[in-house]
């Protein structure tokens, strides 16, 4: 009856042993619940949301080789990275994001990438 808990354990023979198994299950459930709460709190600080926008910053030259990518955590904090590509090279810019905004000026592509990221799940 209770072999699914521990394959090597013998089945309980009396009520005392059944109650002991339930107590063990209760303790295990409590430990798992505590660990789940810890994981939930810690995961808020990992990258959870990603938004990317490809675009052409220069009219009539090239194609959508440039991009802005926003990487945000559960608190909408993170970074937006923008790569501007042209014939002569590539420039990469990074800006910190706090609560979905930045203390630095943001381009329309960066704002779009942040919005896409905030709306992704």
C-alpha atoms as a PDB file:
ATOM      1  CA  UNK A   1       0.000   0.000   0.000  1.00  0.00           C
ATOM      2  CA  UNK A   2       2.753   2.520   0.927  1.00  0.00           C
ATOM      3  CA  UNK A   3       5.576   1.081  -1.166  1.00  0.00           C
ATOM      4  CA  UNK A   4       5.472   4.049  -3.551  1.00  0.00           C
ATOM      5  CA  UNK A   5       7.203   6.122  -0.820  1.00  0.00           C
ATOM      6  CA  UNK A   6      10.208   3.871  -0.417  1.00  0.00           C
ATOM      7  CA  UNK A   7      10.516   0.822  -2.659  1.00  0.00           C
ATOM      8  CA  UNK A   8      12.541  -1.057  -0.041  1.00  0.00           C
ATOM      9  CA  UNK A   9      10.220  -0.304   2.871  1.00  0.00           C
ATOM     10  CA  UNK A  10       7.798  -2.898   4.134  1.00  0.00           C
ATOM     11  CA  UNK A  11       4.118  -2.104   4.308  1.00  0.00           C
ATOM     12  CA  UNK A  12       2.886  -0.833   7.670  1.00  0.00           C
ATOM     13  CA  UNK A  13       1.400  -3.509   9.867  1.00  0.00           C
ATOM     14  CA  UNK A  14      -0.555  -1.356  12.298  1.00  0.00           C
ATOM     15  CA  UNK A  15      -2.055   2.083  12.790  1.00  0.00           C
ATOM     16  CA  UNK A  16       1.051   3.382  14.560  1.00  0.00           C
ATOM     17  CA  UNK A  17       3.194   2.597  11.528  1.00  0.00           C
ATOM     18  CA  UNK A  18       0.618   4.182   9.177  1.00  0.00           C
ATOM     19  CA  UNK A  19       0.629   7.358  11.278  1.00  0.00           C
ATOM     20  CA  UNK A  20       4.428   7.314  11.244  1.00  0.00           C
ATOM     21  CA  UNK A  21       4.386   7.183   7.429  1.00  0.00           C
ATOM     22  CA  UNK A  22       1.942  10.093   7.310  1.00  0.00           C
ATOM     23  CA  UNK A  23       4.175  12.113   9.660  1.00  0.00           C
ATOM     24  CA  UNK A  24       7.145  11.408   7.388  1.00  0.00           C
ATOM     25  CA  UNK A  25       5.104  12.513   4.361  1.00  0.00           C
ATOM     26  CA  UNK A  26       4.073  15.680   6.190  1.00  0.00           C
ATOM     27  CA  UNK A  27       7.718  16.502   7.001  1.00  0.00           C
ATOM     28  CA  UNK A  28       8.770  15.842   3.405  1.00  0.00           C
ATOM     29  CA  UNK A  29       5.939  18.020   2.098  1.00  0.00           C
ATOM     30  CA  UNK A  30       6.990  20.844   4.440  1.00  0.00           C
ATOM     31  CA  UNK A  31      10.617  20.632   3.249  1.00  0.00           C
ATOM     32  CA  UNK A  32       9.531  20.645  -0.402  1.00  0.00           C
ATOM     33  CA  UNK A  33       7.216  23.622   0.186  1.00  0.00           C
ATOM     34  CA  UNK A  34      10.015  25.596   1.875  1.00  0.00           C
ATOM     35  CA  UNK A  35      12.417  24.803  -0.966  1.00  0.00           C
ATOM     36  CA  UNK A  36       9.808  25.835  -3.553  1.00  0.00           C
ATOM     37  CA  UNK A  37       9.329  29.204  -1.822  1.00  0.00           C
ATOM     38  CA  UNK A  38      13.108  29.705  -1.773  1.00  0.00           C
ATOM     39  CA  UNK A  39      13.333  28.921  -5.488  1.00  0.00           C
ATOM     40  CA  UNK A  40      10.466  31.324  -6.263  1.00  0.00           C
ATOM     41  CA  UNK A  41      12.222  34.165  -4.423  1.00  0.00           C
ATOM     42  CA  UNK A  42      15.596  33.481  -6.054  1.00  0.00           C
ATOM     43  CA  UNK A  43      14.154  33.124  -9.556  1.00  0.00           C
ATOM     44  CA  UNK A  44      12.889  36.709  -9.464  1.00  0.00           C
ATOM     45  CA  UNK A  45      16.507  37.783  -9.972  1.00  0.00           C
ATOM     46  CA  UNK A  46      17.284  35.594 -12.991  1.00  0.00           C
ATOM     47  CA  UNK A  47      16.561  36.498 -16.606  1.00  0.00           C
ATOM     48  CA  UNK A  48      12.921  35.598 -17.162  1.00  0.00           C
ATOM     49  CA  UNK A  49      11.845  37.897 -19.961  1.00  0.00           C
ATOM     50  CA  UNK A  50      13.452  38.509 -23.344  1.00  0.00           C
ATOM     51  CA  UNK A  51      12.444  40.901 -26.086  1.00  0.00           C
ATOM     52  CA  UNK A  52      14.289  41.557 -29.341  1.00  0.00           C
ATOM     53  CA  UNK A  53      13.734  44.017 -32.174  1.00  0.00           C
ATOM     54  CA  UNK A  54      15.628  43.979 -35.475  1.00  0.00           C
ATOM     55  CA  UNK A  55      15.795  47.199 -37.437  1.00  0.00           C
ATOM     56  CA  UNK A  56      17.631  49.253 -40.051  1.00  0.00           C
ATOM     57  CA  UNK A  57      18.956  52.486 -38.498  1.00  0.00           C
ATOM     58  CA  UNK A  58      20.056  53.973 -41.831  1.00  0.00           C
ATOM     59  CA  UNK A  59      17.583  54.713 -44.619  1.00  0.00           C
ATOM     60  CA  UNK A  60      18.280  53.139 -48.030  1.00  0.00           C
ATOM     61  CA  UNK A  61      21.429  51.396 -46.769  1.00  0.00           C
ATOM     62  CA  UNK A  62      21.579  47.723 -45.806  1.00  0.00           C
ATOM     63  CA  UNK A  63      18.837  45.743 -44.134  1.00  0.00           C
ATOM     64  CA  UNK A  64      17.673  44.788 -40.627  1.00  0.00           C
ATOM     65  CA  UNK A  65      21.166  43.902 -39.396  1.00  0.00           C
ATOM     66  CA  UNK A  66      20.881  46.016 -36.232  1.00  0.00           C
ATOM     67  CA  UNK A  67      18.987  44.953 -33.115  1.00  0.00           C
ATOM     68  CA  UNK A  68      17.975  45.854 -29.574  1.00  0.00           C
ATOM     69  CA  UNK A  69      17.567  43.060 -27.038  1.00  0.00           C
ATOM     70  CA  UNK A  70      16.107  43.486 -23.550  1.00  0.00           C
ATOM     71  CA  UNK A  71      16.881  40.911 -20.838  1.00  0.00           C
ATOM     72  CA  UNK A  72      14.777  41.408 -17.710  1.00  0.00           C
ATOM     73  CA  UNK A  73      14.133  39.594 -14.458  1.00  0.00           C
ATOM     74  CA  UNK A  74      10.821  39.232 -12.611  1.00  0.00           C
ATOM     75  CA  UNK A  75      11.149  42.780 -11.246  1.00  0.00           C
ATOM     76  CA  UNK A  76      11.654  44.240 -14.766  1.00  0.00           C
ATOM     77  CA  UNK A  77      15.302  44.983 -13.947  1.00  0.00           C
ATOM     78  CA  UNK A  78      18.124  44.019 -16.296  1.00  0.00           C
ATOM     79  CA  UNK A  79      19.776  45.362 -19.437  1.00  0.00           C
ATOM     80  CA  UNK A  80      19.024  46.395 -22.984  1.00  0.00           C
ATOM     81  CA  UNK A  81      21.751  45.768 -25.556  1.00  0.00           C
ATOM     82  CA  UNK A  82      21.722  47.551 -28.896  1.00  0.00           C
ATOM     83  CA  UNK A  83      23.909  46.662 -31.862  1.00  0.00           C
ATOM     84  CA  UNK A  84      24.134  49.174 -34.709  1.00  0.00           C
ATOM     85  CA  UNK A  85      25.505  47.628 -37.887  1.00  0.00           C
ATOM     86  CA  UNK A  86      26.791  49.536 -40.925  1.00  0.00           C
ATOM     87  CA  UNK A  87      29.309  48.992 -43.737  1.00  0.00           C
ATOM     88  CA  UNK A  88      32.210  50.273 -41.679  1.00  0.00           C
ATOM     89  CA  UNK A  89      31.593  48.157 -38.602  1.00  0.00           C
ATOM     90  CA  UNK A  90      29.391  47.432 -35.675  1.00  0.00           C
ATOM     91  CA  UNK A  91      28.795  49.379 -32.468  1.00  0.00           C
ATOM     92  CA  UNK A  92      27.304  47.809 -29.365  1.00  0.00           C
ATOM     93  CA  UNK A  93      25.690  49.725 -26.512  1.00  0.00           C
ATOM     94  CA  UNK A  94      24.381  48.484 -23.188  1.00  0.00           C
ATOM     95  CA  UNK A  95      22.074  50.317 -20.800  1.00  0.00           C
ATOM     96  CA  UNK A  96      20.866  49.276 -17.353  1.00  0.00           C
ATOM     97  CA  UNK A  97      17.127  48.833 -16.849  1.00  0.00           C
ATOM     98  CA  UNK A  98      15.416  49.388 -13.502  1.00  0.00           C
ATOM     99  CA  UNK A  99      11.641  48.874 -13.130  1.00  0.00           C
ATOM    100  CA  UNK A 100      11.265  48.787 -16.912  1.00  0.00           C
ATOM    101  CA  UNK A 101      13.048  52.099 -17.517  1.00  0.00           C
ATOM    102  CA  UNK A 102      16.550  53.543 -17.660  1.00  0.00           C
ATOM    103  CA  UNK A 103      18.373  56.616 -16.434  1.00  0.00           C
ATOM    104  CA  UNK A 104      19.860  56.785 -19.959  1.00  0.00           C
ATOM    105  CA  UNK A 105      17.907  57.958 -23.001  1.00  0.00           C
ATOM    106  CA  UNK A 106      16.289  55.027 -24.817  1.00  0.00           C
ATOM    107  CA  UNK A 107      15.669  54.760 -28.546  1.00  0.00           C
ATOM    108  CA  UNK A 108      12.254  53.725 -29.851  1.00  0.00           C
ATOM    109  CA  UNK A 109      13.710  50.287 -30.723  1.00  0.00           C
ATOM    110  CA  UNK A 110      15.061  49.868 -27.185  1.00  0.00           C
ATOM    111  CA  UNK A 111      11.691  50.877 -25.735  1.00  0.00           C
ATOM    112  CA  UNK A 112       9.964  48.372 -28.037  1.00  0.00           C
ATOM    113  CA  UNK A 113      12.387  45.606 -26.984  1.00  0.00           C
ATOM    114  CA  UNK A 114      11.729  46.402 -23.309  1.00  0.00           C
ATOM    115  CA  UNK A 115       7.960  46.316 -23.853  1.00  0.00           C
ATOM    116  CA  UNK A 116       8.220  43.002 -25.721  1.00  0.00           C
ATOM    117  CA  UNK A 117      10.318  41.629 -22.888  1.00  0.00           C
ATOM    118  CA  UNK A 118       7.892  42.807 -20.191  1.00  0.00           C
ATOM    119  CA  UNK A 119       5.021  41.156 -22.076  1.00  0.00           C
ATOM    120  CA  UNK A 120       6.827  37.840 -22.622  1.00  0.00           C
ATOM    121  CA  UNK A 121       6.314  34.979 -20.185  1.00  0.00           C
END
